C-alpha atoms as a PDB file:
ATOM      1  CA  UNK A   1      12.401 115.350  27.617  1.00  0.00           C
ATOM      2  CA  UNK A   2      14.492 112.160  27.325  1.00  0.00           C
ATOM      3  CA  UNK A   3      17.829 111.932  29.081  1.00  0.00           C
ATOM      4  CA  UNK A   4      20.827 112.142  26.673  1.00  0.00           C
ATOM      5  CA  UNK A   5      22.952 109.041  26.297  1.00  0.00           C
ATOM      6  CA  UNK A   6      26.422 108.862  27.838  1.00  0.00           C
ATOM      7  CA  UNK A   7      27.973 109.319  24.430  1.00  0.00           C
ATOM      8  CA  UNK A   8      26.046 112.495  23.813  1.00  0.00           C
ATOM      9  CA  UNK A   9      26.901 113.775  27.283  1.00  0.00           C
ATOM     10  CA  UNK A  10      30.599 113.168  26.646  1.00  0.00           C
ATOM     11  CA  UNK A  11      30.337 114.918  23.323  1.00  0.00           C
ATOM     12  CA  UNK A  12      28.809 117.997  24.931  1.00  0.00           C
ATOM     13  CA  UNK A  13      31.480 117.881  27.633  1.00  0.00           C
ATOM     14  CA  UNK A  14      34.235 117.729  25.037  1.00  0.00           C
ATOM     15  CA  UNK A  15      32.776 120.688  23.164  1.00  0.00           C
ATOM     16  CA  UNK A  16      32.488 122.662  26.400  1.00  0.00           C
ATOM     17  CA  UNK A  17      36.088 121.923  27.362  1.00  0.00           C
ATOM     18  CA  UNK A  18      37.360 122.843  23.929  1.00  0.00           C
ATOM     19  CA  UNK A  19      35.458 126.136  24.030  1.00  0.00           C
ATOM     20  CA  UNK A  20      36.734 126.889  27.527  1.00  0.00           C
ATOM     21  CA  UNK A  21      40.319 126.226  26.466  1.00  0.00           C
ATOM     22  CA  UNK A  22      39.950 128.437  23.431  1.00  0.00           C
ATOM     23  CA  UNK A  23      38.420 131.196  25.508  1.00  0.00           C
ATOM     24  CA  UNK A  24      41.260 130.972  27.982  1.00  0.00           C
ATOM     25  CA  UNK A  25      44.131 130.997  25.495  1.00  0.00           C
ATOM     26  CA  UNK A  26      42.758 133.347  22.852  1.00  0.00           C
ATOM     27  CA  UNK A  27      43.380 137.090  23.142  1.00  0.00           C
ATOM     28  CA  UNK A  28      40.273 139.051  24.063  1.00  0.00           C
ATOM     29  CA  UNK A  29      40.247 140.941  20.764  1.00  0.00           C
ATOM     30  CA  UNK A  30      39.736 137.623  18.926  1.00  0.00           C
ATOM     31  CA  UNK A  31      36.592 137.032  20.977  1.00  0.00           C
ATOM     32  CA  UNK A  32      34.736 140.360  20.921  1.00  0.00           C
ATOM     33  CA  UNK A  33      31.573 138.853  22.409  1.00  0.00           C
ATOM     34  CA  UNK A  34      33.260 137.650  25.611  1.00  0.00           C
ATOM     35  CA  UNK A  35      32.069 139.474  28.737  1.00  0.00           C
ATOM     36  CA  UNK A  36      32.778 139.071  32.412  1.00  0.00           C
ATOM     37  CA  UNK A  37      29.953 137.574  34.435  1.00  0.00           C
ATOM     38  CA  UNK A  38      27.777 140.163  36.170  1.00  0.00           C
ATOM     39  CA  UNK A  39      28.349 140.648  39.916  1.00  0.00           C
ATOM     40  CA  UNK A  40      26.082 138.617  42.172  1.00  0.00           C
ATOM     41  CA  UNK A  41      23.799 140.493  44.558  1.00  0.00           C
ATOM     42  CA  UNK A  42      23.280 139.502  48.183  1.00  0.00           C
ATOM     43  CA  UNK A  43      20.742 140.475  50.808  1.00  0.00           C
ATOM     44  CA  UNK A  44      23.545 142.434  52.500  1.00  0.00           C
ATOM     45  CA  UNK A  45      23.776 144.549  49.356  1.00  0.00           C
ATOM     46  CA  UNK A  46      20.028 145.114  49.470  1.00  0.00           C
ATOM     47  CA  UNK A  47      20.105 146.175  53.112  1.00  0.00           C
ATOM     48  CA  UNK A  48      23.137 148.404  52.593  1.00  0.00           C
ATOM     49  CA  UNK A  49      21.443 150.306  49.778  1.00  0.00           C
ATOM     50  CA  UNK A  50      18.581 151.098  52.143  1.00  0.00           C
ATOM     51  CA  UNK A  51      20.987 152.286  54.831  1.00  0.00           C
ATOM     52  CA  UNK A  52      23.102 155.402  55.355  1.00  0.00           C
ATOM     53  CA  UNK A  53      25.529 156.622  52.698  1.00  0.00           C
ATOM     54  CA  UNK A  54      28.422 154.900  54.469  1.00  0.00           C
ATOM     55  CA  UNK A  55      26.737 151.567  53.788  1.00  0.00           C
ATOM     56  CA  UNK A  56      25.124 152.224  50.405  1.00  0.00           C
ATOM     57  CA  UNK A  57      28.434 153.431  48.941  1.00  0.00           C
ATOM     58  CA  UNK A  58      29.914 149.978  49.567  1.00  0.00           C
ATOM     59  CA  UNK A  59      27.617 148.356  47.003  1.00  0.00           C
ATOM     60  CA  UNK A  60      28.752 147.864  43.423  1.00  0.00           C
ATOM     61  CA  UNK A  61      27.208 150.610  41.277  1.00  0.00           C
ATOM     62  CA  UNK A  62      25.768 148.164  38.750  1.00  0.00           C
ATOM     63  CA  UNK A  63      24.171 146.075  41.489  1.00  0.00           C
ATOM     64  CA  UNK A  64      22.863 149.170  43.207  1.00  0.00           C
ATOM     65  CA  UNK A  65      21.124 150.373  40.070  1.00  0.00           C
ATOM     66  CA  UNK A  66      19.562 146.980  39.391  1.00  0.00           C
ATOM     67  CA  UNK A  67      18.391 146.502  42.966  1.00  0.00           C
ATOM     68  CA  UNK A  68      17.003 150.012  43.112  1.00  0.00           C
ATOM     69  CA  UNK A  69      14.867 149.267  40.052  1.00  0.00           C
ATOM     70  CA  UNK A  70      13.178 146.481  42.043  1.00  0.00           C
ATOM     71  CA  UNK A  71      12.132 148.669  44.984  1.00  0.00           C
ATOM     72  CA  UNK A  72       8.497 149.793  45.167  1.00  0.00           C
ATOM     73  CA  UNK A  73       8.269 152.067  48.185  1.00  0.00           C
ATOM     74  CA  UNK A  74       5.067 152.207  50.211  1.00  0.00           C
ATOM     75  CA  UNK A  75       6.544 155.228  51.976  1.00  0.00           C
ATOM     76  CA  UNK A  76       8.838 157.560  50.014  1.00  0.00           C
ATOM     77  CA  UNK A  77      12.466 156.686  50.617  1.00  0.00           C
ATOM     78  CA  UNK A  78      14.397 159.133  52.791  1.00  0.00           C
ATOM     79  CA  UNK A  79      18.018 159.362  53.911  1.00  0.00           C
ATOM     80  CA  UNK A  80      17.492 162.177  56.401  1.00  0.00           C
ATOM     81  CA  UNK A  81      19.278 161.854  59.716  1.00  0.00           C
ATOM     82  CA  UNK A  82      18.472 163.328  63.084  1.00  0.00           C
ATOM     83  CA  UNK A  83      20.010 163.176  66.492  1.00  0.00           C
ATOM     84  CA  UNK A  84      16.862 163.131  68.620  1.00  0.00           C
ATOM     85  CA  UNK A  85      13.358 161.743  68.284  1.00  0.00           C
ATOM     86  CA  UNK A  86      10.907 164.626  67.871  1.00  0.00           C
ATOM     87  CA  UNK A  87       7.132 164.580  68.147  1.00  0.00           C
ATOM     88  CA  UNK A  88       5.014 164.876  65.001  1.00  0.00           C
ATOM     89  CA  UNK A  89       3.909 168.303  63.827  1.00  0.00           C
ATOM     90  CA  UNK A  90       0.196 169.093  63.963  1.00  0.00           C
ATOM     91  CA  UNK A  91       0.415 170.700  60.502  1.00  0.00           C
ATOM     92  CA  UNK A  92       0.914 167.546  58.418  1.00  0.00           C
ATOM     93  CA  UNK A  93      -1.618 165.517  56.436  1.00  0.00           C
ATOM     94  CA  UNK A  94      -2.733 162.021  57.516  1.00  0.00           C
ATOM     95  CA  UNK A  95      -0.619 160.567  54.690  1.00  0.00           C
ATOM     96  CA  UNK A  96       2.450 162.447  55.882  1.00  0.00           C
ATOM     97  CA  UNK A  97       1.765 161.330  59.429  1.00  0.00           C
ATOM     98  CA  UNK A  98       1.912 157.696  58.312  1.00  0.00           C
ATOM     99  CA  UNK A  99       5.160 158.430  56.477  1.00  0.00           C
ATOM    100  CA  UNK A 100       6.649 159.958  59.603  1.00  0.00           C
ATOM    101  CA  UNK A 101       5.609 156.979  61.732  1.00  0.00           C
ATOM    102  CA  UNK A 102       7.590 154.746  59.383  1.00  0.00           C
ATOM    103  CA  UNK A 103      10.602 157.082  59.311  1.00  0.00           C
ATOM    104  CA  UNK A 104      10.609 157.751  63.052  1.00  0.00           C
ATOM    105  CA  UNK A 105       8.351 155.335  64.988  1.00  0.00           C
ATOM    106  CA  UNK A 106       7.165 155.814  68.580  1.00  0.00           C
ATOM    107  CA  UNK A 107       9.768 155.734  71.326  1.00  0.00           C
ATOM    108  CA  UNK A 108       9.282 152.038  72.297  1.00  0.00           C
ATOM    109  CA  UNK A 109      10.012 150.961  68.700  1.00  0.00           C
ATOM    110  CA  UNK A 110      13.093 153.190  68.580  1.00  0.00           C
ATOM    111  CA  UNK A 111      14.264 151.712  71.875  1.00  0.00           C
ATOM    112  CA  UNK A 112      13.859 148.181  70.516  1.00  0.00           C
ATOM    113  CA  UNK A 113      15.848 149.129  67.407  1.00  0.00           C
ATOM    114  CA  UNK A 114      18.645 150.540  69.563  1.00  0.00           C
ATOM    115  CA  UNK A 115      18.552 147.466  71.778  1.00  0.00           C
ATOM    116  CA  UNK A 116      19.189 145.270  68.729  1.00  0.00           C
ATOM    117  CA  UNK A 117      22.346 147.266  67.935  1.00  0.00           C
ATOM    118  CA  UNK A 118      23.610 147.770  71.477  1.00  0.00           C
ATOM    119  CA  UNK A 119      23.217 144.061  72.313  1.00  0.00           C
ATOM    120  CA  UNK A 120      25.430 143.092  69.382  1.00  0.00           C
ATOM    121  CA  UNK A 121      22.492 141.616  67.492  1.00  0.00           C
ATOM    122  CA  UNK A 122      21.571 139.219  70.304  1.00  0.00           C
ATOM    123  CA  UNK A 123      18.005 137.870  69.766  1.00  0.00           C
ATOM    124  CA  UNK A 124      17.408 137.336  73.479  1.00  0.00           C
ATOM    125  CA  UNK A 125      17.562 141.086  73.957  1.00  0.00           C
ATOM    126  CA  UNK A 126      14.298 141.257  71.981  1.00  0.00           C
ATOM    127  CA  UNK A 127      12.840 138.163  73.620  1.00  0.00           C
ATOM    128  CA  UNK A 128      13.149 139.819  77.017  1.00  0.00           C
ATOM    129  CA  UNK A 129      10.755 142.542  75.862  1.00  0.00           C
ATOM    130  CA  UNK A 130       7.994 139.943  75.419  1.00  0.00           C
ATOM    131  CA  UNK A 131       5.359 139.244  78.031  1.00  0.00           C
ATOM    132  CA  UNK A 132       6.124 135.721  79.329  1.00  0.00           C
ATOM    133  CA  UNK A 133       2.436 134.823  79.564  1.00  0.00           C
ATOM    134  CA  UNK A 134       1.541 132.580  76.586  1.00  0.00           C
ATOM    135  CA  UNK A 135      -1.654 133.152  74.622  1.00  0.00           C
ATOM    136  CA  UNK A 136      -3.275 130.170  72.923  1.00  0.00           C
ATOM    137  CA  UNK A 137      -3.793 130.694  69.193  1.00  0.00           C
ATOM    138  CA  UNK A 138      -7.500 129.962  68.587  1.00  0.00           C
ATOM    139  CA  UNK A 139      -9.112 128.705  65.411  1.00  0.00           C
ATOM    140  CA  UNK A 140      -8.350 131.158  62.601  1.00  0.00           C
ATOM    141  CA  UNK A 141     -10.885 131.386  59.787  1.00  0.00           C
ATOM    142  CA  UNK A 142     -11.745 127.689  60.015  1.00  0.00           C
ATOM    143  CA  UNK A 143      -8.167 126.388  60.047  1.00  0.00           C
ATOM    144  CA  UNK A 144      -8.885 123.547  62.447  1.00  0.00           C
ATOM    145  CA  UNK A 145     -11.436 122.037  60.091  1.00  0.00           C
ATOM    146  CA  UNK A 146      -8.589 121.396  57.639  1.00  0.00           C
ATOM    147  CA  UNK A 147      -5.908 120.558  60.240  1.00  0.00           C
ATOM    148  CA  UNK A 148      -4.054 123.724  59.257  1.00  0.00           C
ATOM    149  CA  UNK A 149      -1.478 125.141  61.698  1.00  0.00           C
ATOM    150  CA  UNK A 150      -0.670 128.705  60.655  1.00  0.00           C
ATOM    151  CA  UNK A 151       1.772 129.565  63.417  1.00  0.00           C
ATOM    152  CA  UNK A 152       5.108 128.071  64.396  1.00  0.00           C
ATOM    153  CA  UNK A 153       3.781 127.215  67.853  1.00  0.00           C
ATOM    154  CA  UNK A 154       0.204 126.697  69.152  1.00  0.00           C
ATOM    155  CA  UNK A 155       0.620 129.704  71.433  1.00  0.00           C
ATOM    156  CA  UNK A 156       1.937 133.219  71.036  1.00  0.00           C
ATOM    157  CA  UNK A 157       2.895 136.210  73.134  1.00  0.00           C
ATOM    158  CA  UNK A 158       2.748 139.971  72.956  1.00  0.00           C
ATOM    159  CA  UNK A 159       5.260 142.645  73.816  1.00  0.00           C
ATOM    160  CA  UNK A 160       4.974 144.009  77.329  1.00  0.00           C
ATOM    161  CA  UNK A 161       4.719 147.510  75.893  1.00  0.00           C
ATOM    162  CA  UNK A 162       1.332 147.839  74.179  1.00  0.00           C
ATOM    163  CA  UNK A 163       2.586 150.671  71.966  1.00  0.00           C
ATOM    164  CA  UNK A 164       4.970 148.174  70.386  1.00  0.00           C
ATOM    165  CA  UNK A 165       2.094 145.790  69.671  1.00  0.00           C
ATOM    166  CA  UNK A 166      -0.006 148.562  68.179  1.00  0.00           C
ATOM    167  CA  UNK A 167       2.827 149.653  65.917  1.00  0.00           C
ATOM    168  CA  UNK A 168       3.334 146.148  64.540  1.00  0.00           C
ATOM    169  CA  UNK A 169      -0.391 145.892  63.846  1.00  0.00           C
ATOM    170  CA  UNK A 170      -0.263 149.232  62.042  1.00  0.00           C
ATOM    171  CA  UNK A 171       2.406 147.923  59.651  1.00  0.00           C
ATOM    172  CA  UNK A 172      -0.021 145.288  58.356  1.00  0.00           C
ATOM    173  CA  UNK A 173      -2.639 147.988  57.852  1.00  0.00           C
ATOM    174  CA  UNK A 174      -0.265 150.298  55.975  1.00  0.00           C
ATOM    175  CA  UNK A 175       0.676 147.461  53.608  1.00  0.00           C
ATOM    176  CA  UNK A 176      -3.025 146.739  53.056  1.00  0.00           C
ATOM    177  CA  UNK A 177      -3.872 150.390  52.378  1.00  0.00           C
ATOM    178  CA  UNK A 178      -0.863 151.417  50.317  1.00  0.00           C
ATOM    179  CA  UNK A 179      -0.160 148.186  48.471  1.00  0.00           C
ATOM    180  CA  UNK A 180      -2.496 149.015  45.555  1.00  0.00           C
ATOM    181  CA  UNK A 181      -0.411 152.125  44.804  1.00  0.00           C
ATOM    182  CA  UNK A 182       2.416 149.829  43.653  1.00  0.00           C
ATOM    183  CA  UNK A 183       0.225 147.077  42.195  1.00  0.00           C
ATOM    184  CA  UNK A 184      -0.073 144.880  45.287  1.00  0.00           C
ATOM    185  CA  UNK A 185      -3.609 144.079  46.408  1.00  0.00           C
ATOM    186  CA  UNK A 186      -3.707 142.021  49.575  1.00  0.00           C
ATOM    187  CA  UNK A 187      -6.206 140.957  52.191  1.00  0.00           C
ATOM    188  CA  UNK A 188      -5.521 140.421  55.877  1.00  0.00           C
ATOM    189  CA  UNK A 189      -6.447 136.762  55.727  1.00  0.00           C
ATOM    190  CA  UNK A 190      -4.901 133.404  56.412  1.00  0.00           C
ATOM    191  CA  UNK A 191      -4.291 132.652  52.737  1.00  0.00           C
ATOM    192  CA  UNK A 192      -2.732 136.021  52.053  1.00  0.00           C
ATOM    193  CA  UNK A 193      -1.022 138.515  54.384  1.00  0.00           C
ATOM    194  CA  UNK A 194      -1.019 137.419  58.010  1.00  0.00           C
ATOM    195  CA  UNK A 195       2.610 137.197  59.109  1.00  0.00           C
ATOM    196  CA  UNK A 196       6.111 138.582  58.988  1.00  0.00           C
ATOM    197  CA  UNK A 197       9.492 137.497  60.309  1.00  0.00           C
ATOM    198  CA  UNK A 198      11.335 139.853  62.642  1.00  0.00           C
ATOM    199  CA  UNK A 199      15.107 139.672  62.202  1.00  0.00           C
ATOM    200  CA  UNK A 200      18.328 141.420  63.182  1.00  0.00           C
ATOM    201  CA  UNK A 201      20.658 142.024  60.226  1.00  0.00           C
ATOM    202  CA  UNK A 202      24.016 140.331  60.706  1.00  0.00           C
ATOM    203  CA  UNK A 203      26.346 143.149  59.662  1.00  0.00           C
ATOM    204  CA  UNK A 204      24.521 146.338  60.664  1.00  0.00           C
ATOM    205  CA  UNK A 205      22.395 144.750  63.436  1.00  0.00           C
ATOM    206  CA  UNK A 206      19.453 146.703  62.050  1.00  0.00           C
ATOM    207  CA  UNK A 207      16.022 145.510  63.122  1.00  0.00           C
ATOM    208  CA  UNK A 208      13.621 144.512  60.352  1.00  0.00           C
ATOM    209  CA  UNK A 209      10.587 142.463  59.379  1.00  0.00           C
ATOM    210  CA  UNK A 210      10.177 140.488  56.169  1.00  0.00           C
ATOM    211  CA  UNK A 211       6.455 140.168  55.448  1.00  0.00           C
ATOM    212  CA  UNK A 212       5.073 137.507  53.132  1.00  0.00           C
ATOM    213  CA  UNK A 213       1.802 138.124  51.295  1.00  0.00           C
ATOM    214  CA  UNK A 214       0.064 135.639  48.960  1.00  0.00           C
ATOM    215  CA  UNK A 215       1.175 132.882  51.327  1.00  0.00           C
ATOM    216  CA  UNK A 216      -1.148 130.153  50.036  1.00  0.00           C
ATOM    217  CA  UNK A 217      -2.155 130.604  46.378  1.00  0.00           C
ATOM    218  CA  UNK A 218      -5.046 128.453  45.204  1.00  0.00           C
ATOM    219  CA  UNK A 219      -4.167 125.217  43.466  1.00  0.00           C
ATOM    220  CA  UNK A 220      -4.660 125.524  39.717  1.00  0.00           C
ATOM    221  CA  UNK A 221      -3.759 122.845  37.191  1.00  0.00           C
ATOM    222  CA  UNK A 222      -2.576 125.393  34.657  1.00  0.00           C
ATOM    223  CA  UNK A 223      -0.941 128.279  36.520  1.00  0.00           C
ATOM    224  CA  UNK A 224      -0.096 126.869  39.963  1.00  0.00           C
ATOM    225  CA  UNK A 225      -0.232 123.060  40.047  1.00  0.00           C
ATOM    226  CA  UNK A 226       1.389 122.779  43.475  1.00  0.00           C
ATOM    227  CA  UNK A 227       0.028 121.202  46.638  1.00  0.00           C
ATOM    228  CA  UNK A 228       1.061 123.284  49.661  1.00  0.00           C
ATOM    229  CA  UNK A 229      -0.667 121.204  52.298  1.00  0.00           C
ATOM    230  CA  UNK A 230      -3.676 121.640  54.558  1.00  0.00           C
ATOM    231  CA  UNK A 231      -3.427 125.432  54.835  1.00  0.00           C
ATOM    232  CA  UNK A 232      -3.900 125.832  51.085  1.00  0.00           C
ATOM    233  CA  UNK A 233      -7.307 124.123  51.057  1.00  0.00           C
ATOM    234  CA  UNK A 234     -10.053 126.598  50.225  1.00  0.00           C
ATOM    235  CA  UNK A 235      -7.681 129.371  49.133  1.00  0.00           C
ATOM    236  CA  UNK A 236      -9.113 132.184  47.027  1.00  0.00           C
ATOM    237  CA  UNK A 237      -5.716 133.788  46.308  1.00  0.00           C
ATOM    238  CA  UNK A 238      -5.064 133.789  42.581  1.00  0.00           C
ATOM    239  CA  UNK A 239      -1.596 133.069  41.275  1.00  0.00           C
ATOM    240  CA  UNK A 240      -0.825 136.009  38.997  1.00  0.00           C
ATOM    241  CA  UNK A 241       1.767 138.731  38.447  1.00  0.00           C
ATOM    242  CA  UNK A 242       1.148 140.122  41.934  1.00  0.00           C
ATOM    243  CA  UNK A 243       3.108 137.142  43.280  1.00  0.00           C
ATOM    244  CA  UNK A 244       6.191 139.080  42.193  1.00  0.00           C
ATOM    245  CA  UNK A 245       5.386 141.573  44.948  1.00  0.00           C
ATOM    246  CA  UNK A 246       4.739 139.195  47.820  1.00  0.00           C
ATOM    247  CA  UNK A 247       7.878 140.123  49.806  1.00  0.00           C
ATOM    248  CA  UNK A 248       7.544 143.343  51.795  1.00  0.00           C
ATOM    249  CA  UNK A 249      10.397 144.703  53.903  1.00  0.00           C
ATOM    250  CA  UNK A 250      10.179 146.992  56.926  1.00  0.00           C
ATOM    251  CA  UNK A 251      13.392 148.333  58.416  1.00  0.00           C
ATOM    252  CA  UNK A 252      13.503 150.176  61.708  1.00  0.00           C
ATOM    253  CA  UNK A 253      15.551 153.355  61.978  1.00  0.00           C
ATOM    254  CA  UNK A 254      19.246 152.560  62.322  1.00  0.00           C
ATOM    255  CA  UNK A 255      20.953 153.893  65.461  1.00  0.00           C
ATOM    256  CA  UNK A 256      24.622 154.699  65.700  1.00  0.00           C
ATOM    257  CA  UNK A 257      26.660 152.312  67.825  1.00  0.00           C
ATOM    258  CA  UNK A 258      28.956 155.161  68.849  1.00  0.00           C
ATOM    259  CA  UNK A 259      26.529 157.917  69.838  1.00  0.00           C
ATOM    260  CA  UNK A 260      22.869 158.717  70.452  1.00  0.00           C
ATOM    261  CA  UNK A 261      22.364 159.718  66.821  1.00  0.00           C
ATOM    262  CA  UNK A 262      20.256 157.926  64.249  1.00  0.00           C
ATOM    263  CA  UNK A 263      21.982 157.092  60.963  1.00  0.00           C
ATOM    264  CA  UNK A 264      18.957 156.284  58.826  1.00  0.00           C
ATOM    265  CA  UNK A 265      15.158 156.544  59.076  1.00  0.00           C
ATOM    266  CA  UNK A 266      12.767 153.622  58.767  1.00  0.00           C
ATOM    267  CA  UNK A 267      11.825 152.008  55.444  1.00  0.00           C
ATOM    268  CA  UNK A 268       8.755 150.207  54.100  1.00  0.00           C
ATOM    269  CA  UNK A 269       9.236 148.763  50.627  1.00  0.00           C
ATOM    270  CA  UNK A 270       7.861 146.039  48.369  1.00  0.00           C
ATOM    271  CA  UNK A 271      10.626 143.946  46.795  1.00  0.00           C
ATOM    272  CA  UNK A 272       9.751 143.246  43.172  1.00  0.00           C
ATOM    273  CA  UNK A 273      10.849 139.703  42.280  1.00  0.00           C
ATOM    274  CA  UNK A 274       9.715 139.647  38.650  1.00  0.00           C
ATOM    275  CA  UNK A 275      11.524 137.160  36.387  1.00  0.00           C
ATOM    276  CA  UNK A 276      14.447 138.891  34.754  1.00  0.00           C
ATOM    277  CA  UNK A 277      15.029 141.172  37.723  1.00  0.00           C
ATOM    278  CA  UNK A 278      18.033 140.930  39.997  1.00  0.00           C
ATOM    279  CA  UNK A 279      16.032 139.904  43.079  1.00  0.00           C
ATOM    280  CA  UNK A 280      14.554 136.959  41.184  1.00  0.00           C
ATOM    281  CA  UNK A 281      17.923 136.103  39.649  1.00  0.00           C
ATOM    282  CA  UNK A 282      20.217 136.391  42.657  1.00  0.00           C
ATOM    283  CA  UNK A 283      18.237 136.399  45.906  1.00  0.00           C
ATOM    284  CA  UNK A 284      15.444 133.874  45.423  1.00  0.00           C
ATOM    285  CA  UNK A 285      16.557 130.218  45.505  1.00  0.00           C
ATOM    286  CA  UNK A 286      15.849 128.479  42.224  1.00  0.00           C
ATOM    287  CA  UNK A 287      13.686 125.828  43.877  1.00  0.00           C
ATOM    288  CA  UNK A 288      11.194 128.501  44.998  1.00  0.00           C
ATOM    289  CA  UNK A 289      11.252 130.681  41.889  1.00  0.00           C
ATOM    290  CA  UNK A 290       7.621 129.725  41.279  1.00  0.00           C
ATOM    291  CA  UNK A 291       6.639 131.057  44.725  1.00  0.00           C
ATOM    292  CA  UNK A 292       8.896 134.144  44.562  1.00  0.00           C
ATOM    293  CA  UNK A 293       9.921 133.587  48.196  1.00  0.00           C
ATOM    294  CA  UNK A 294      12.691 135.541  49.880  1.00  0.00           C
ATOM    295  CA  UNK A 295      13.811 133.831  53.076  1.00  0.00           C
ATOM    296  CA  UNK A 296      14.123 135.726  56.320  1.00  0.00           C
ATOM    297  CA  UNK A 297      17.217 133.732  57.335  1.00  0.00           C
ATOM    298  CA  UNK A 298      19.093 135.352  54.460  1.00  0.00           C
ATOM    299  CA  UNK A 299      18.434 138.801  55.932  1.00  0.00           C
ATOM    300  CA  UNK A 300      19.804 138.083  59.373  1.00  0.00           C
ATOM    301  CA  UNK A 301      19.163 136.362  62.681  1.00  0.00           C
ATOM    302  CA  UNK A 302      15.460 135.528  62.918  1.00  0.00           C
ATOM    303  CA  UNK A 303      14.077 136.576  66.290  1.00  0.00           C
ATOM    304  CA  UNK A 304      10.320 135.867  66.188  1.00  0.00           C
ATOM    305  CA  UNK A 305       7.394 135.510  63.815  1.00  0.00           C
ATOM    306  CA  UNK A 306       4.834 138.307  63.923  1.00  0.00           C
ATOM    307  CA  UNK A 307       1.320 137.011  63.198  1.00  0.00           C
ATOM    308  CA  UNK A 308      -1.750 139.213  62.744  1.00  0.00           C
ATOM    309  CA  UNK A 309      -4.715 136.853  62.719  1.00  0.00           C
ATOM    310  CA  UNK A 310      -8.452 137.202  62.378  1.00  0.00           C
ATOM    311  CA  UNK A 311      -9.837 135.181  65.273  1.00  0.00           C
ATOM    312  CA  UNK A 312     -13.365 136.549  64.810  1.00  0.00           C
ATOM    313  CA  UNK A 313     -16.062 135.274  62.500  1.00  0.00           C
ATOM    314  CA  UNK A 314     -17.393 136.197  59.052  1.00  0.00           C
ATOM    315  CA  UNK A 315     -19.646 138.878  60.468  1.00  0.00           C
ATOM    316  CA  UNK A 316     -17.374 140.417  63.097  1.00  0.00           C
ATOM    317  CA  UNK A 317     -13.637 140.297  62.302  1.00  0.00           C
ATOM    318  CA  UNK A 318     -11.335 140.376  65.299  1.00  0.00           C
ATOM    319  CA  UNK A 319      -7.650 140.789  64.477  1.00  0.00           C
ATOM    320  CA  UNK A 320      -5.108 139.977  67.160  1.00  0.00           C
ATOM    321  CA  UNK A 321      -1.329 139.890  67.323  1.00  0.00           C
ATOM    322  CA  UNK A 322       0.522 136.677  68.188  1.00  0.00           C
ATOM    323  CA  UNK A 323       4.311 136.732  68.519  1.00  0.00           C
ATOM    324  CA  UNK A 324       5.673 133.217  68.047  1.00  0.00           C
END
């Protein structure tokens, strides 16, 4: 499209100014089509809706309804509270057991969630729970052949408590297994789902992870003509409507900062960023609309990246956790 001349630009500007003046000075009944601009959603609104009633009630009702329509829960949403962490009943189904592990994770996860709140949202409080011994990130599915660096650093760590590591690994598996129920089909592979970003929310200090699936869609002249660098080479991830579902949010249970009670259970939800929806409109920067990317920095203070990588071979997969 050619660029309009200065004269044309000035003409459009004059028309716009005239319309603005008329809109300002004319009574509303003379302009029946005038409407106030819709409220703008923020990630704080999104997090509040998924929190206790004291937080969710702060969100504009219109925004709340629109955001809610973009939630695709991998575990049914619950607002139940409880004061102590109880062991799982032996009378529940395997599906219910997974649900309960999201709502009320093992004690080490609960302790980490409380640490995030009690420390005032200080990232170093989480860093101290990591084993200081670095682990070199090996070649992952042939990355080195293409000079691809998947992780932020060439080494990673693990949490000192192995139950914490196992729980983080299980989150990837739950997304893999339950994703198809909401239309998200992923693979645990370097082009698709292999990482998440652990953060502490600024206002509530709630611990969470923003996972990104469909990380490197294949280059396609028609549907995705974008070069994403070395790590995209060889990708078999198709760019299609499932890109709308590439952002997955886990929230740890929210502890009270005034007692030993828990204000809200854990959450695992896919955030639908389809064009026309409020997440696409308000939360995804325009320059990454094509990639449907929500940024972890908008959710809070980023603590670490959680990588779940296949360091085995084609015949014998070997998935390992690297905290970077």
